[in-house]
PDB file of N, CA and C in Angstrom:
ATOM      1  N   MET A   1      11.436  13.036  -1.790  1.00  0.00           N
ATOM      2  CA  MET A   1      11.526  11.983  -0.697  1.00  0.00           C
ATOM      3  C   MET A   1      11.382  10.636  -1.603  1.00  0.00           C
ATOM      4  N   PRO A   2      12.096   9.763  -0.636  1.00  0.00           N
ATOM      5  CA  PRO A   2      11.606   8.399  -1.327  1.00  0.00           C
ATOM      6  C   PRO A   2      10.829   7.148  -1.454  1.00  0.00           C
ATOM      7  N   ARG A   3      10.020   6.734  -2.385  1.00  0.00           N
ATOM      8  CA  ARG A   3       9.156   6.038  -2.731  1.00  0.00           C
ATOM      9  C   ARG A   3       8.779   5.100  -1.605  1.00  0.00           C
ATOM     10  N   LYS A   4      10.372   4.241  -0.972  1.00  0.00           N
ATOM     11  CA  LYS A   4      10.402   3.928   0.042  1.00  0.00           C
ATOM     12  C   LYS A   4      10.131   4.219   1.961  1.00  0.00           C
ATOM     13  N   THR A   5      10.515   4.925   1.419  1.00  0.00           N
ATOM     14  CA  THR A   5      10.912   6.460   2.775  1.00  0.00           C
ATOM     15  C   THR A   5       8.372   6.811   3.099  1.00  0.00           C
ATOM     16  N   LYS A   6       8.225   7.008   1.624  1.00  0.00           N
ATOM     17  CA  LYS A   6       6.824   7.069   1.769  1.00  0.00           C
ATOM     18  C   LYS A   6       6.063   6.903   2.570  1.00  0.00           C
ATOM     19  N   TYR A   7       5.917   5.340   1.365  1.00  0.00           N
ATOM     20  CA  TYR A   7       5.470   4.469   2.392  1.00  0.00           C
ATOM     21  C   TYR A   7       5.051   3.843   3.618  1.00  0.00           C
ATOM     22  N   GLU A   8       6.886   4.242   3.886  1.00  0.00           N
ATOM     23  CA  GLU A   8       6.554   3.524   5.488  1.00  0.00           C
ATOM     24  C   GLU A   8       6.635   4.907   6.473  1.00  0.00           C
ATOM     25  N   ALA A   9       6.091   6.096   5.588  1.00  0.00           N
ATOM     26  CA  ALA A   9       5.113   7.005   6.177  1.00  0.00           C
ATOM     27  C   ALA A   9       3.730   6.914   6.215  1.00  0.00           C
ATOM     28  N   GLY A  10       3.698   6.202   5.718  1.00  0.00           N
ATOM     29  CA  GLY A  10       1.925   5.901   5.524  1.00  0.00           C
ATOM     30  C   GLY A  10       1.648   6.561   4.594  1.00  0.00           C
ATOM     31  N   ALA A  11       2.320   6.650   3.520  1.00  0.00           N
ATOM     32  CA  ALA A  11       1.583   6.301   1.885  1.00  0.00           C
ATOM     33  C   ALA A  11       0.916   4.715   1.660  1.00  0.00           C
ATOM     34  N   PHE A  12       0.073   5.555   0.062  1.00  0.00           N
ATOM     35  CA  PHE A  12      -0.911   3.902   0.004  1.00  0.00           C
ATOM     36  C   PHE A  12       0.690   4.239  -0.842  1.00  0.00           C
ATOM     37  N   ILE A  13       0.508   2.658  -1.141  1.00  0.00           N
ATOM     38  CA  ILE A  13       1.448   1.603  -2.808  1.00  0.00           C
ATOM     39  C   ILE A  13       0.224   2.593  -3.673  1.00  0.00           C
ATOM     40  N   ARG A  14      -0.604   2.051  -3.775  1.00  0.00           N
ATOM     41  CA  ARG A  14      -2.002   2.458  -4.800  1.00  0.00           C
ATOM     42  C   ARG A  14      -0.729   4.460  -5.410  1.00  0.00           C
ATOM     43  N   ALA A  15      -0.720   5.651  -3.634  1.00  0.00           N
ATOM     44  CA  ALA A  15      -0.971   6.883  -4.480  1.00  0.00           C
ATOM     45  C   ALA A  15       0.610   7.161  -4.538  1.00  0.00           C
ATOM     46  N   LEU A  16       1.614   5.953  -4.484  1.00  0.00           N
ATOM     47  CA  LEU A  16       2.010   6.200  -4.656  1.00  0.00           C
ATOM     48  C   LEU A  16       3.182   6.115  -6.212  1.00  0.00           C
ATOM     49  N   ALA A  17       2.313   4.684  -6.698  1.00  0.00           N
ATOM     50  CA  ALA A  17       1.944   4.458  -8.201  1.00  0.00           C
ATOM     51  C   ALA A  17       1.115   5.301  -9.061  1.00  0.00           C
ATOM     52  N   GLU A  18       0.716   6.673  -8.566  1.00  0.00           N
ATOM     53  CA  GLU A  18      -1.179   7.576  -9.398  1.00  0.00           C
ATOM     54  C   GLU A  18       0.603   8.180  -9.602  1.00  0.00           C
ATOM     55  N   GLU A  19       1.459   8.915  -8.228  1.00  0.00           N
ATOM     56  CA  GLU A  19       1.982   9.711  -8.458  1.00  0.00           C
ATOM     57  C   GLU A  19       3.514  10.248  -9.348  1.00  0.00           C
ATOM     58  N   THR A  20       4.053   8.409  -9.464  1.00  0.00           N
ATOM     59  CA  THR A  20       4.914   8.631 -10.464  1.00  0.00           C
ATOM     60  C   THR A  20       4.516   7.328 -11.662  1.00  0.00           C
ATOM     61  N   ARG A  21       3.115   7.333 -11.872  1.00  0.00           N
ATOM     62  CA  ARG A  21       2.756   6.431 -13.196  1.00  0.00           C
ATOM     63  C   ARG A  21       3.888   5.327 -13.757  1.00  0.00           C
ATOM     64  N   ARG A  22       3.417   4.304 -12.656  1.00  0.00           N
ATOM     65  CA  ARG A  22       3.866   3.390 -13.102  1.00  0.00           C
ATOM     66  C   ARG A  22       2.125   2.925 -12.860  1.00  0.00           C
ATOM     67  N   PRO A  23       2.615   0.633 -12.601  1.00  0.00           N
ATOM     68  CA  PRO A  23       1.784   0.465 -12.340  1.00  0.00           C
ATOM     69  C   PRO A  23       1.870   0.206 -10.539  1.00  0.00           C
ATOM     70  N   TYR A  24      -0.018  -0.251 -10.279  1.00  0.00           N
ATOM     71  CA  TYR A  24       0.384  -0.290  -8.639  1.00  0.00           C
ATOM     72  C   TYR A  24       0.819  -2.239  -8.511  1.00  0.00           C
ATOM     73  N   GLY A  25       1.418  -3.365  -9.540  1.00  0.00           N
ATOM     74  CA  GLY A  25       2.573  -4.047  -9.031  1.00  0.00           C
ATOM     75  C   GLY A  25       3.370  -4.335 -10.069  1.00  0.00           C
ATOM     76  N   GLY A  26       3.933  -2.580 -10.141  1.00  0.00           N
ATOM     77  CA  GLY A  26       5.062  -2.254 -10.300  1.00  0.00           C
ATOM     78  C   GLY A  26       5.778  -2.390  -9.116  1.00  0.00           C
ATOM     79  N   VAL A  27       4.958  -0.817  -9.107  1.00  0.00           N
ATOM     80  CA  VAL A  27       5.109  -0.598  -7.768  1.00  0.00           C
ATOM     81  C   VAL A  27       5.747  -1.397  -6.056  1.00  0.00           C
ATOM     82  N   HIS A  28       4.497  -1.792  -6.374  1.00  0.00           N
ATOM     83  CA  HIS A  28       4.568  -3.051  -5.470  1.00  0.00           C
ATOM     84  C   HIS A  28       5.675  -4.508  -5.114  1.00  0.00           C
ATOM     85  N   GLY A  29       6.377  -4.788  -6.781  1.00  0.00           N
ATOM     86  CA  GLY A  29       6.755  -5.424  -6.295  1.00  0.00           C
ATOM     87  C   GLY A  29       8.655  -4.795  -6.523  1.00  0.00           C
ATOM     88  N   LEU A  30       8.649  -3.864  -6.265  1.00  0.00           N
ATOM     89  CA  LEU A  30       9.560  -2.839  -6.641  1.00  0.00           C
ATOM     90  C   LEU A  30       9.872  -2.381  -4.393  1.00  0.00           C
ATOM     91  N   HIS A  31       8.588  -2.398  -4.397  1.00  0.00           N
ATOM     92  CA  HIS A  31       9.202  -2.670  -2.575  1.00  0.00           C
ATOM     93  C   HIS A  31       9.710  -4.053  -2.341  1.00  0.00           C
ATOM     94  N   ALA A  32       8.411  -5.377  -2.348  1.00  0.00           N
ATOM     95  CA  ALA A  32       8.806  -6.852  -1.972  1.00  0.00           C
ATOM     96  C   ALA A  32      10.765  -6.218  -2.115  1.00  0.00           C
ATOM     97  N   HIS A  33      10.774  -6.072  -3.554  1.00  0.00           N
ATOM     98  CA  HIS A  33      12.693  -6.317  -3.439  1.00  0.00           C
ATOM     99  C   HIS A  33      13.200  -5.785  -2.771  1.00  0.00           C
ATOM    100  N   ALA A  34      12.680  -4.853  -2.656  1.00  0.00           N
ATOM    101  CA  ALA A  34      14.030  -3.723  -1.226  1.00  0.00           C
ATOM    102  C   ALA A  34      13.449  -4.097  -0.304  1.00  0.00           C
ATOM    103  N   GLY A  35      12.759  -4.972   0.271  1.00  0.00           N
ATOM    104  CA  GLY A  35      12.894  -5.332   1.750  1.00  0.00           C
ATOM    105  C   GLY A  35      11.804  -5.106   2.888  1.00  0.00           C
ATOM    106  N   VAL A  36      11.149  -4.288   1.400  1.00  0.00           N
ATOM    107  CA  VAL A  36       9.744  -3.622   2.642  1.00  0.00           C
ATOM    108  C   VAL A  36       9.131  -4.533   2.565  1.00  0.00           C
ATOM    109  N   THR A  37       8.447  -3.723   4.446  1.00  0.00           N
ATOM    110  CA  THR A  37       7.070  -4.740   4.571  1.00  0.00           C
ATOM    111  C   THR A  37       5.485  -4.458   4.484  1.00  0.00           C
ATOM    112  N   CYS A  38       4.740  -4.177   3.957  1.00  0.00           N
ATOM    113  CA  CYS A  38       4.365  -4.526   3.704  1.00  0.00           C
ATOM    114  C   CYS A  38       2.890  -4.266   4.398  1.00  0.00           C
ATOM    115  N   ARG A  39       1.954  -3.243   4.797  1.00  0.00           N
ATOM    116  CA  ARG A  39       1.322  -2.957   5.988  1.00  0.00           C
ATOM    117  C   ARG A  39       0.405  -4.101   5.488  1.00  0.00           C
ATOM    118  N   SER A  40      -0.856  -4.445   6.733  1.00  0.00           N
ATOM    119  CA  SER A  40      -1.800  -5.210   6.339  1.00  0.00           C
ATOM    120  C   SER A  40      -2.613  -4.413   5.397  1.00  0.00           C
ATOM    121  N   ARG A  41      -4.168  -5.305   4.577  1.00  0.00           N
ATOM    122  CA  ARG A  41      -4.735  -4.153   4.220  1.00  0.00           C
ATOM    123  C   ARG A  41      -6.245  -3.302   5.388  1.00  0.00           C
ATOM    124  N   GLY A  42      -6.246  -2.216   4.623  1.00  0.00           N
ATOM    125  CA  GLY A  42      -7.215  -1.339   6.061  1.00  0.00           C
ATOM    126  C   GLY A  42      -9.236  -2.048   5.483  1.00  0.00           C
ATOM    127  N   GLY A  43      -9.347  -0.872   6.606  1.00  0.00           N
ATOM    128  CA  GLY A  43     -11.253  -0.915   6.099  1.00  0.00           C
ATOM    129  C   GLY A  43     -11.709  -1.760   7.745  1.00  0.00           C
ATOM    130  N   ALA A  44     -12.871  -0.712   7.129  1.00  0.00           N
ATOM    131  CA  ALA A  44     -13.588  -1.648   9.128  1.00  0.00           C
ATOM    132  C   ALA A  44     -13.710  -3.384   9.247  1.00  0.00           C
ATOM    133  N   LEU A  45     -13.697  -3.684   9.769  1.00  0.00           N
ATOM    134  CA  LEU A  45     -13.782  -4.802  10.045  1.00  0.00           C
ATOM    135  C   LEU A  45     -15.088  -4.859  10.065  1.00  0.00           C
ATOM    136  N   ARG A  46     -16.163  -6.931   9.662  1.00  0.00           N
ATOM    137  CA  ARG A  46     -17.512  -6.821   9.730  1.00  0.00           C
ATOM    138  C   ARG A  46     -17.571  -7.074  10.908  1.00  0.00           C
ATOM    139  N   THR A  47     -18.551  -6.916  11.103  1.00  0.00           N
ATOM    140  CA  THR A  47     -18.846  -7.233  12.174  1.00  0.00           C
ATOM    141  C   THR A  47     -20.892  -8.212  12.330  1.00  0.00           C
ATOM    142  N   ASP A  48     -20.879  -8.921  12.917  1.00  0.00           N
ATOM    143  CA  ASP A  48     -22.047  -9.928  12.758  1.00  0.00           C
ATOM    144  C   ASP A  48     -23.728  -9.260  12.821  1.00  0.00           C
ATOM    145  N   SER A  49     -23.673  -7.931  13.790  1.00  0.00           N
ATOM    146  CA  SER A  49     -24.213  -7.008  13.862  1.00  0.00           C
ATOM    147  C   SER A  49     -24.730  -5.991  11.692  1.00  0.00           C
ATOM    148  N   PHE A  50     -23.163  -6.034  11.063  1.00  0.00           N
ATOM    149  CA  PHE A  50     -23.606  -5.898   9.970  1.00  0.00           C
ATOM    150  C   PHE A  50     -24.292  -6.515   9.040  1.00  0.00           C
ATOM    151  N   ARG A  51     -24.131  -7.874   9.052  1.00  0.00           N
ATOM    152  CA  ARG A  51     -24.297  -9.029   8.040  1.00  0.00           C
ATOM    153  C   ARG A  51     -25.875  -8.706   8.316  1.00  0.00           C
ATOM    154  N   ARG A  52     -26.415  -9.821   7.326  1.00  0.00           N
ATOM    155  CA  ARG A  52     -27.959  -9.556   6.876  1.00  0.00           C
ATOM    156  C   ARG A  52     -28.705 -11.260   6.707  1.00  0.00           C
TER     157      ARG A  52
END
């Protein structure tokens, strides 16, 4: 399965970079050049209850 298809199926760029032994920035750049829309960054949102 091509990297573009894997990314669009939910794979992380970092995982694709490790799988292909390419730098993260190189894989990210190739996706940008191919016209792939990058997902926003994940992770939990911070709320006031977690701030100290």
